């Protein structure tokens, strides 16, 4: 944290920056945090911390976690992150990278970001083929039966994934949907090891997809890059020949985020 954020005499954050720095620390933690956990980091009195957390929660920037004591990003903070990565100059370069990989593979490519209930499409470049699958920007899809969602699930700490799995309702969407929790756990473990995920007619019949992670400067997944296609043109095996193309584009997108 920059030194000029602090008052030299008291070693504290100026009043007008406290809420912003609090939100920054919550996001940096990557997991739900309690006010007590940030007390030493922010060097603020306990009543002040609780007041800031309550203010951020009431405004929708933070959201109380399932334990009732810890907090994570709320809907307004998550939307703010989407607006940030969608700023015009960044988006211009991001779309150029996306178009390049879509042209190389010859199929529709997407960037999706995780939300609380599923993956939301942030950017998309369509294939030139007349036969295509319509999943426009802003569409939200489930975690457990899509390539982008399974890639995200594989990035969770095992304990957090187990909690998700214990509560998840695995409805069938297509012939290949994995509805058995043990089978899904094995699939996510395999995804974690190999570094990419697949959707073999799991979300939509006659559609296959592959996804790879886009990381931040701390090597944490912030979004996914995926390609999907009708089964008439590719099966999972043939689509898998383009994994290195996807990974190279994902590295470029990671560099764009970190620059």
C-alpha atoms as a PDB file:
ATOM      1  CA  UNK A   1       0.000   0.000   0.000  1.00  0.00           C
ATOM      2  CA  UNK A   2       1.524   3.406  -0.911  1.00  0.00           C
ATOM      3  CA  UNK A   3       3.058   5.299   2.007  1.00  0.00           C
ATOM      4  CA  UNK A   4       1.227   8.528   1.176  1.00  0.00           C
ATOM      5  CA  UNK A   5      -2.096   6.907   2.065  1.00  0.00           C
ATOM      6  CA  UNK A   6      -1.134   7.130   5.717  1.00  0.00           C
ATOM      7  CA  UNK A   7      -0.959   9.969   8.173  1.00  0.00           C
ATOM      8  CA  UNK A   8       2.671  10.162   9.336  1.00  0.00           C
ATOM      9  CA  UNK A   9       1.728  10.961  12.940  1.00  0.00           C
ATOM     10  CA  UNK A  10      -0.942   8.331  13.504  1.00  0.00           C
ATOM     11  CA  UNK A  11      -0.030   5.722  10.892  1.00  0.00           C
ATOM     12  CA  UNK A  12      -3.650   5.593   9.769  1.00  0.00           C
ATOM     13  CA  UNK A  13      -5.466   5.825   6.469  1.00  0.00           C
ATOM     14  CA  UNK A  14      -7.076   9.212   5.750  1.00  0.00           C
ATOM     15  CA  UNK A  15     -10.810   9.153   6.464  1.00  0.00           C
ATOM     16  CA  UNK A  16     -11.821   9.748   2.851  1.00  0.00           C
ATOM     17  CA  UNK A  17      -9.828   6.693   1.677  1.00  0.00           C
ATOM     18  CA  UNK A  18     -10.730   4.184   4.364  1.00  0.00           C
ATOM     19  CA  UNK A  19     -13.667   2.574   2.595  1.00  0.00           C
ATOM     20  CA  UNK A  20     -11.764   2.268  -0.687  1.00  0.00           C
ATOM     21  CA  UNK A  21      -8.754   0.673   0.985  1.00  0.00           C
ATOM     22  CA  UNK A  22     -11.043  -1.676   2.902  1.00  0.00           C
ATOM     23  CA  UNK A  23     -12.636  -2.865  -0.357  1.00  0.00           C
ATOM     24  CA  UNK A  24      -9.172  -3.278  -1.881  1.00  0.00           C
ATOM     25  CA  UNK A  25      -8.056  -5.508   0.987  1.00  0.00           C
ATOM     26  CA  UNK A  26     -11.198  -7.649   0.819  1.00  0.00           C
ATOM     27  CA  UNK A  27     -10.668  -8.232  -2.906  1.00  0.00           C
ATOM     28  CA  UNK A  28      -6.956  -8.941  -2.447  1.00  0.00           C
ATOM     29  CA  UNK A  29      -7.717 -11.592   0.167  1.00  0.00           C
ATOM     30  CA  UNK A  30      -9.501 -13.731  -2.412  1.00  0.00           C
ATOM     31  CA  UNK A  31     -11.669 -15.370   0.286  1.00  0.00           C
ATOM     32  CA  UNK A  32     -14.333 -14.002   2.649  1.00  0.00           C
ATOM     33  CA  UNK A  33     -12.737 -12.056   5.521  1.00  0.00           C
ATOM     34  CA  UNK A  34     -13.883 -10.815   8.927  1.00  0.00           C
ATOM     35  CA  UNK A  35     -13.348  -7.268  10.207  1.00  0.00           C
ATOM     36  CA  UNK A  36     -11.024  -8.711  12.867  1.00  0.00           C
ATOM     37  CA  UNK A  37      -8.803 -10.275  10.194  1.00  0.00           C
ATOM     38  CA  UNK A  38      -8.139  -6.814   8.699  1.00  0.00           C
ATOM     39  CA  UNK A  39      -7.648  -4.966  11.986  1.00  0.00           C
ATOM     40  CA  UNK A  40      -3.839  -5.129  11.955  1.00  0.00           C
ATOM     41  CA  UNK A  41      -3.581  -4.590   8.201  1.00  0.00           C
ATOM     42  CA  UNK A  42      -5.660  -1.410   8.227  1.00  0.00           C
ATOM     43  CA  UNK A  43      -4.622  -0.228  11.708  1.00  0.00           C
ATOM     44  CA  UNK A  44      -8.110   1.052  12.476  1.00  0.00           C
ATOM     45  CA  UNK A  45     -10.144   0.797  15.684  1.00  0.00           C
ATOM     46  CA  UNK A  46     -12.546  -2.134  15.845  1.00  0.00           C
ATOM     47  CA  UNK A  47     -15.708   0.063  15.967  1.00  0.00           C
ATOM     48  CA  UNK A  48     -14.497   1.959  12.895  1.00  0.00           C
ATOM     49  CA  UNK A  49     -13.881  -1.262  10.999  1.00  0.00           C
ATOM     50  CA  UNK A  50     -17.310  -2.634  11.805  1.00  0.00           C
ATOM     51  CA  UNK A  51     -18.911   0.652  10.760  1.00  0.00           C
ATOM     52  CA  UNK A  52     -17.072   0.580   7.419  1.00  0.00           C
ATOM     53  CA  UNK A  53     -18.072  -3.028   6.779  1.00  0.00           C
ATOM     54  CA  UNK A  54     -21.698  -2.238   7.604  1.00  0.00           C
ATOM     55  CA  UNK A  55     -21.667   0.795   5.309  1.00  0.00           C
ATOM     56  CA  UNK A  56     -20.191  -1.221   2.424  1.00  0.00           C
ATOM     57  CA  UNK A  57     -22.698  -4.023   2.984  1.00  0.00           C
ATOM     58  CA  UNK A  58     -25.677  -1.655   3.077  1.00  0.00           C
ATOM     59  CA  UNK A  59     -24.539  -0.070  -0.196  1.00  0.00           C
ATOM     60  CA  UNK A  60     -24.089  -3.454  -1.902  1.00  0.00           C
ATOM     61  CA  UNK A  61     -20.302  -3.299  -2.254  1.00  0.00           C
ATOM     62  CA  UNK A  62     -19.783  -6.136   0.237  1.00  0.00           C
ATOM     63  CA  UNK A  63     -21.919  -9.162   0.945  1.00  0.00           C
ATOM     64  CA  UNK A  64     -22.014 -11.205   4.128  1.00  0.00           C
ATOM     65  CA  UNK A  65     -20.872 -14.782   3.655  1.00  0.00           C
ATOM     66  CA  UNK A  66     -22.700 -17.918   4.734  1.00  0.00           C
ATOM     67  CA  UNK A  67     -21.049 -17.950   8.176  1.00  0.00           C
ATOM     68  CA  UNK A  68     -22.656 -14.585   8.996  1.00  0.00           C
ATOM     69  CA  UNK A  69     -19.329 -13.091  10.177  1.00  0.00           C
ATOM     70  CA  UNK A  70     -17.145 -12.761   7.078  1.00  0.00           C
ATOM     71  CA  UNK A  71     -17.599 -10.661   3.956  1.00  0.00           C
ATOM     72  CA  UNK A  72     -16.846 -10.935   0.263  1.00  0.00           C
ATOM     73  CA  UNK A  73     -17.507  -8.764  -2.803  1.00  0.00           C
ATOM     74  CA  UNK A  74     -21.144  -7.730  -3.184  1.00  0.00           C
ATOM     75  CA  UNK A  75     -23.060  -7.177  -6.437  1.00  0.00           C
ATOM     76  CA  UNK A  76     -21.961  -3.556  -6.886  1.00  0.00           C
ATOM     77  CA  UNK A  77     -18.284  -4.380  -6.352  1.00  0.00           C
ATOM     78  CA  UNK A  78     -18.478  -7.304  -8.772  1.00  0.00           C
ATOM     79  CA  UNK A  79     -20.159  -5.083 -11.348  1.00  0.00           C
ATOM     80  CA  UNK A  80     -17.476  -2.462 -10.788  1.00  0.00           C
ATOM     81  CA  UNK A  81     -14.819  -5.038 -11.633  1.00  0.00           C
ATOM     82  CA  UNK A  82     -16.622  -5.806 -14.897  1.00  0.00           C
ATOM     83  CA  UNK A  83     -16.801  -2.102 -15.763  1.00  0.00           C
ATOM     84  CA  UNK A  84     -13.089  -1.774 -14.992  1.00  0.00           C
ATOM     85  CA  UNK A  85     -11.941  -4.579 -17.272  1.00  0.00           C
ATOM     86  CA  UNK A  86     -14.372  -3.342 -19.932  1.00  0.00           C
ATOM     87  CA  UNK A  87     -12.902   0.168 -20.092  1.00  0.00           C
ATOM     88  CA  UNK A  88     -12.599   1.231 -23.734  1.00  0.00           C
ATOM     89  CA  UNK A  89      -8.824   1.115 -24.207  1.00  0.00           C
ATOM     90  CA  UNK A  90      -8.434  -2.266 -22.517  1.00  0.00           C
ATOM     91  CA  UNK A  91     -11.444  -3.684 -24.348  1.00  0.00           C
ATOM     92  CA  UNK A  92     -10.071  -2.601 -27.747  1.00  0.00           C
ATOM     93  CA  UNK A  93      -6.921  -4.660 -27.227  1.00  0.00           C
ATOM     94  CA  UNK A  94      -8.816  -7.520 -25.596  1.00  0.00           C
ATOM     95  CA  UNK A  95     -11.180  -7.828 -28.567  1.00  0.00           C
ATOM     96  CA  UNK A  96      -8.225  -7.777 -30.984  1.00  0.00           C
ATOM     97  CA  UNK A  97      -6.715 -10.767 -29.143  1.00  0.00           C
ATOM     98  CA  UNK A  98     -10.094 -12.502 -29.071  1.00  0.00           C
ATOM     99  CA  UNK A  99     -10.649 -11.940 -32.811  1.00  0.00           C
ATOM    100  CA  UNK A 100      -7.180 -13.274 -33.582  1.00  0.00           C
ATOM    101  CA  UNK A 101      -7.701 -16.569 -31.761  1.00  0.00           C
ATOM    102  CA  UNK A 102     -11.247 -16.929 -33.134  1.00  0.00           C
ATOM    103  CA  UNK A 103      -9.902 -16.511 -36.682  1.00  0.00           C
ATOM    104  CA  UNK A 104      -7.108 -19.009 -36.021  1.00  0.00           C
ATOM    105  CA  UNK A 105      -9.483 -21.656 -34.679  1.00  0.00           C
ATOM    106  CA  UNK A 106     -12.370 -20.763 -36.991  1.00  0.00           C
ATOM    107  CA  UNK A 107     -14.985 -20.974 -34.229  1.00  0.00           C
ATOM    108  CA  UNK A 108     -16.733 -18.658 -31.747  1.00  0.00           C
ATOM    109  CA  UNK A 109     -14.548 -17.582 -28.804  1.00  0.00           C
ATOM    110  CA  UNK A 110     -15.727 -16.042 -25.522  1.00  0.00           C
ATOM    111  CA  UNK A 111     -14.401 -14.398 -22.404  1.00  0.00           C
ATOM    112  CA  UNK A 112     -16.492 -15.085 -19.294  1.00  0.00           C
ATOM    113  CA  UNK A 113     -16.226 -13.896 -15.706  1.00  0.00           C
ATOM    114  CA  UNK A 114     -17.454 -15.647 -12.554  1.00  0.00           C
ATOM    115  CA  UNK A 115     -20.425 -14.280 -10.664  1.00  0.00           C
ATOM    116  CA  UNK A 116     -22.151 -15.740  -7.610  1.00  0.00           C
ATOM    117  CA  UNK A 117     -24.559 -17.948  -9.546  1.00  0.00           C
ATOM    118  CA  UNK A 118     -22.672 -18.741 -12.741  1.00  0.00           C
ATOM    119  CA  UNK A 119     -20.361 -17.477 -15.481  1.00  0.00           C
ATOM    120  CA  UNK A 120     -21.310 -14.306 -17.371  1.00  0.00           C
ATOM    121  CA  UNK A 121     -20.137 -13.695 -20.934  1.00  0.00           C
ATOM    122  CA  UNK A 122     -18.105 -10.493 -21.066  1.00  0.00           C
ATOM    123  CA  UNK A 123     -16.874 -10.531 -24.682  1.00  0.00           C
ATOM    124  CA  UNK A 124     -17.551 -12.683 -27.712  1.00  0.00           C
ATOM    125  CA  UNK A 125     -16.349 -13.015 -31.304  1.00  0.00           C
ATOM    126  CA  UNK A 126     -18.616 -15.060 -33.575  1.00  0.00           C
ATOM    127  CA  UNK A 127     -17.563 -17.618 -36.135  1.00  0.00           C
ATOM    128  CA  UNK A 128     -18.182 -16.873 -39.805  1.00  0.00           C
ATOM    129  CA  UNK A 129     -20.112 -20.135 -40.185  1.00  0.00           C
ATOM    130  CA  UNK A 130     -23.905 -19.731 -40.668  1.00  0.00           C
ATOM    131  CA  UNK A 131     -24.498 -22.573 -38.179  1.00  0.00           C
ATOM    132  CA  UNK A 132     -23.652 -21.104 -34.775  1.00  0.00           C
ATOM    133  CA  UNK A 133     -24.771 -21.235 -31.157  1.00  0.00           C
ATOM    134  CA  UNK A 134     -26.375 -18.092 -29.767  1.00  0.00           C
ATOM    135  CA  UNK A 135     -24.996 -17.160 -26.333  1.00  0.00           C
ATOM    136  CA  UNK A 136     -24.745 -13.336 -26.452  1.00  0.00           C
ATOM    137  CA  UNK A 137     -22.710 -11.064 -24.185  1.00  0.00           C
ATOM    138  CA  UNK A 138     -24.408 -10.831 -20.793  1.00  0.00           C
ATOM    139  CA  UNK A 139     -25.675 -14.416 -20.866  1.00  0.00           C
ATOM    140  CA  UNK A 140     -25.123 -16.248 -17.576  1.00  0.00           C
ATOM    141  CA  UNK A 141     -24.482 -19.995 -17.658  1.00  0.00           C
ATOM    142  CA  UNK A 142     -24.093 -22.569 -14.854  1.00  0.00           C
ATOM    143  CA  UNK A 143     -20.757 -23.470 -13.304  1.00  0.00           C
ATOM    144  CA  UNK A 144     -21.023 -27.255 -13.249  1.00  0.00           C
ATOM    145  CA  UNK A 145     -21.973 -28.026 -16.857  1.00  0.00           C
ATOM    146  CA  UNK A 146     -20.021 -25.488 -18.933  1.00  0.00           C
ATOM    147  CA  UNK A 147     -16.350 -25.357 -19.864  1.00  0.00           C
ATOM    148  CA  UNK A 148     -15.905 -21.855 -18.448  1.00  0.00           C
ATOM    149  CA  UNK A 149     -17.727 -22.743 -15.235  1.00  0.00           C
ATOM    150  CA  UNK A 150     -15.784 -25.958 -14.668  1.00  0.00           C
ATOM    151  CA  UNK A 151     -12.556 -24.046 -15.237  1.00  0.00           C
ATOM    152  CA  UNK A 152     -13.599 -21.634 -12.511  1.00  0.00           C
ATOM    153  CA  UNK A 153     -14.599 -24.434 -10.135  1.00  0.00           C
ATOM    154  CA  UNK A 154     -11.165 -26.001 -10.615  1.00  0.00           C
ATOM    155  CA  UNK A 155      -9.575 -22.754  -9.382  1.00  0.00           C
ATOM    156  CA  UNK A 156     -11.375 -22.916  -6.028  1.00  0.00           C
ATOM    157  CA  UNK A 157      -9.566 -24.230  -3.003  1.00  0.00           C
ATOM    158  CA  UNK A 158     -10.589 -27.886  -2.534  1.00  0.00           C
ATOM    159  CA  UNK A 159     -12.401 -27.081   0.723  1.00  0.00           C
ATOM    160  CA  UNK A 160     -14.445 -24.340  -0.977  1.00  0.00           C
ATOM    161  CA  UNK A 161     -15.218 -26.572  -3.946  1.00  0.00           C
ATOM    162  CA  UNK A 162     -16.412 -29.305  -1.587  1.00  0.00           C
ATOM    163  CA  UNK A 163     -18.779 -26.811   0.056  1.00  0.00           C
ATOM    164  CA  UNK A 164     -20.086 -25.759  -3.349  1.00  0.00           C
ATOM    165  CA  UNK A 165     -20.545 -29.380  -4.366  1.00  0.00           C
ATOM    166  CA  UNK A 166     -22.409 -30.328  -1.201  1.00  0.00           C
ATOM    167  CA  UNK A 167     -24.983 -27.575  -1.814  1.00  0.00           C
ATOM    168  CA  UNK A 168     -25.169 -27.652  -5.622  1.00  0.00           C
ATOM    169  CA  UNK A 169     -28.232 -28.954  -7.456  1.00  0.00           C
ATOM    170  CA  UNK A 170     -26.949 -30.669 -10.598  1.00  0.00           C
ATOM    171  CA  UNK A 171     -29.911 -30.492 -12.957  1.00  0.00           C
ATOM    172  CA  UNK A 172     -29.547 -32.134 -16.354  1.00  0.00           C
ATOM    173  CA  UNK A 173     -29.323 -29.707 -19.293  1.00  0.00           C
ATOM    174  CA  UNK A 174     -28.162 -32.020 -22.083  1.00  0.00           C
ATOM    175  CA  UNK A 175     -27.186 -35.671 -22.737  1.00  0.00           C
ATOM    176  CA  UNK A 176     -23.691 -35.226 -21.300  1.00  0.00           C
ATOM    177  CA  UNK A 177     -24.520 -33.252 -18.126  1.00  0.00           C
ATOM    178  CA  UNK A 178     -22.678 -34.644 -15.119  1.00  0.00           C
ATOM    179  CA  UNK A 179     -25.318 -34.979 -12.417  1.00  0.00           C
ATOM    180  CA  UNK A 180     -23.424 -37.320 -10.089  1.00  0.00           C
ATOM    181  CA  UNK A 181     -21.457 -35.335  -7.494  1.00  0.00           C
ATOM    182  CA  UNK A 182     -18.614 -37.852  -7.225  1.00  0.00           C
ATOM    183  CA  UNK A 183     -18.215 -37.829 -10.998  1.00  0.00           C
ATOM    184  CA  UNK A 184     -18.186 -34.019 -11.072  1.00  0.00           C
ATOM    185  CA  UNK A 185     -15.558 -33.933  -8.336  1.00  0.00           C
ATOM    186  CA  UNK A 186     -13.356 -36.294 -10.355  1.00  0.00           C
ATOM    187  CA  UNK A 187     -13.879 -34.115 -13.451  1.00  0.00           C
ATOM    188  CA  UNK A 188     -12.859 -30.947 -11.596  1.00  0.00           C
ATOM    189  CA  UNK A 189      -9.773 -32.647 -10.164  1.00  0.00           C
ATOM    190  CA  UNK A 190      -8.754 -33.713 -13.672  1.00  0.00           C
ATOM    191  CA  UNK A 191      -9.392 -30.178 -14.951  1.00  0.00           C
ATOM    192  CA  UNK A 192      -7.202 -28.765 -12.193  1.00  0.00           C
ATOM    193  CA  UNK A 193      -4.327 -31.086 -13.156  1.00  0.00           C
ATOM    194  CA  UNK A 194      -4.414 -30.597 -16.921  1.00  0.00           C
ATOM    195  CA  UNK A 195      -5.090 -26.839 -16.924  1.00  0.00           C
ATOM    196  CA  UNK A 196      -8.109 -26.749 -19.235  1.00  0.00           C
ATOM    197  CA  UNK A 197     -11.755 -27.777 -19.070  1.00  0.00           C
ATOM    198  CA  UNK A 198     -14.236 -29.317 -21.473  1.00  0.00           C
ATOM    199  CA  UNK A 199     -17.969 -29.312 -22.113  1.00  0.00           C
ATOM    200  CA  UNK A 200     -18.952 -32.433 -24.044  1.00  0.00           C
ATOM    201  CA  UNK A 201     -22.666 -31.822 -24.693  1.00  0.00           C
ATOM    202  CA  UNK A 202     -23.117 -30.985 -21.013  1.00  0.00           C
ATOM    203  CA  UNK A 203     -24.863 -27.608 -21.303  1.00  0.00           C
ATOM    204  CA  UNK A 204     -26.425 -27.862 -24.763  1.00  0.00           C
ATOM    205  CA  UNK A 205     -27.053 -30.882 -26.931  1.00  0.00           C
ATOM    206  CA  UNK A 206     -24.734 -31.057 -29.973  1.00  0.00           C
ATOM    207  CA  UNK A 207     -22.369 -28.407 -28.545  1.00  0.00           C
ATOM    208  CA  UNK A 208     -18.803 -28.937 -27.348  1.00  0.00           C
ATOM    209  CA  UNK A 209     -16.433 -26.428 -25.761  1.00  0.00           C
ATOM    210  CA  UNK A 210     -12.994 -26.021 -24.206  1.00  0.00           C
ATOM    211  CA  UNK A 211     -11.864 -23.295 -21.775  1.00  0.00           C
ATOM    212  CA  UNK A 212      -8.577 -22.087 -20.287  1.00  0.00           C
ATOM    213  CA  UNK A 213      -7.977 -19.622 -17.426  1.00  0.00           C
ATOM    214  CA  UNK A 214      -7.069 -15.939 -17.654  1.00  0.00           C
ATOM    215  CA  UNK A 215      -5.062 -15.040 -14.558  1.00  0.00           C
ATOM    216  CA  UNK A 216      -4.207 -11.912 -12.595  1.00  0.00           C
ATOM    217  CA  UNK A 217      -0.720 -10.963 -11.407  1.00  0.00           C
ATOM    218  CA  UNK A 218      -1.183 -13.260  -8.401  1.00  0.00           C
ATOM    219  CA  UNK A 219      -1.926 -16.237 -10.654  1.00  0.00           C
ATOM    220  CA  UNK A 220      -5.594 -16.252  -9.635  1.00  0.00           C
ATOM    221  CA  UNK A 221      -8.335 -16.897 -12.162  1.00  0.00           C
ATOM    222  CA  UNK A 222     -10.225 -13.709 -13.018  1.00  0.00           C
ATOM    223  CA  UNK A 223     -11.963 -14.893 -16.188  1.00  0.00           C
ATOM    224  CA  UNK A 224     -11.886 -17.655 -18.772  1.00  0.00           C
ATOM    225  CA  UNK A 225     -11.236 -17.897 -22.494  1.00  0.00           C
ATOM    226  CA  UNK A 226     -13.294 -20.534 -24.267  1.00  0.00           C
ATOM    227  CA  UNK A 227     -14.200 -21.796 -27.706  1.00  0.00           C
ATOM    228  CA  UNK A 228     -17.422 -23.603 -28.509  1.00  0.00           C
ATOM    229  CA  UNK A 229     -18.752 -25.205 -31.650  1.00  0.00           C
ATOM    230  CA  UNK A 230     -21.566 -27.401 -32.936  1.00  0.00           C
ATOM    231  CA  UNK A 231     -20.777 -31.111 -32.868  1.00  0.00           C
ATOM    232  CA  UNK A 232     -21.269 -31.174 -36.634  1.00  0.00           C
ATOM    233  CA  UNK A 233     -17.907 -29.395 -37.084  1.00  0.00           C
ATOM    234  CA  UNK A 234     -15.854 -30.593 -34.098  1.00  0.00           C
ATOM    235  CA  UNK A 235     -15.903 -33.173 -31.373  1.00  0.00           C
ATOM    236  CA  UNK A 236     -13.911 -32.722 -28.148  1.00  0.00           C
ATOM    237  CA  UNK A 237     -10.883 -34.521 -29.577  1.00  0.00           C
ATOM    238  CA  UNK A 238     -10.582 -32.343 -32.688  1.00  0.00           C
ATOM    239  CA  UNK A 239     -11.358 -29.151 -30.774  1.00  0.00           C
ATOM    240  CA  UNK A 240      -8.600 -30.136 -28.355  1.00  0.00           C
ATOM    241  CA  UNK A 241      -6.021 -29.593 -31.113  1.00  0.00           C
ATOM    242  CA  UNK A 242      -6.492 -25.864 -30.491  1.00  0.00           C
ATOM    243  CA  UNK A 243      -5.704 -25.859 -26.771  1.00  0.00           C
ATOM    244  CA  UNK A 244      -2.292 -24.279 -27.325  1.00  0.00           C
ATOM    245  CA  UNK A 245      -3.883 -21.514 -29.416  1.00  0.00           C
ATOM    246  CA  UNK A 246      -6.246 -20.783 -26.530  1.00  0.00           C
ATOM    247  CA  UNK A 247      -3.455 -20.883 -23.946  1.00  0.00           C
ATOM    248  CA  UNK A 248      -1.317 -18.469 -25.953  1.00  0.00           C
ATOM    249  CA  UNK A 249      -4.215 -16.011 -26.271  1.00  0.00           C
ATOM    250  CA  UNK A 250      -4.917 -16.414 -22.538  1.00  0.00           C
ATOM    251  CA  UNK A 251      -1.291 -15.512 -21.774  1.00  0.00           C
ATOM    252  CA  UNK A 252      -1.679 -12.351 -23.854  1.00  0.00           C
ATOM    253  CA  UNK A 253      -4.870 -11.474 -22.004  1.00  0.00           C
ATOM    254  CA  UNK A 254      -3.168 -12.122 -18.661  1.00  0.00           C
ATOM    255  CA  UNK A 255      -0.358  -9.766 -19.661  1.00  0.00           C
ATOM    256  CA  UNK A 256      -2.959  -7.142 -20.626  1.00  0.00           C
ATOM    257  CA  UNK A 257      -4.604  -7.365 -17.200  1.00  0.00           C
ATOM    258  CA  UNK A 258      -1.260  -7.169 -15.380  1.00  0.00           C
ATOM    259  CA  UNK A 259       0.177  -4.261 -17.376  1.00  0.00           C
END
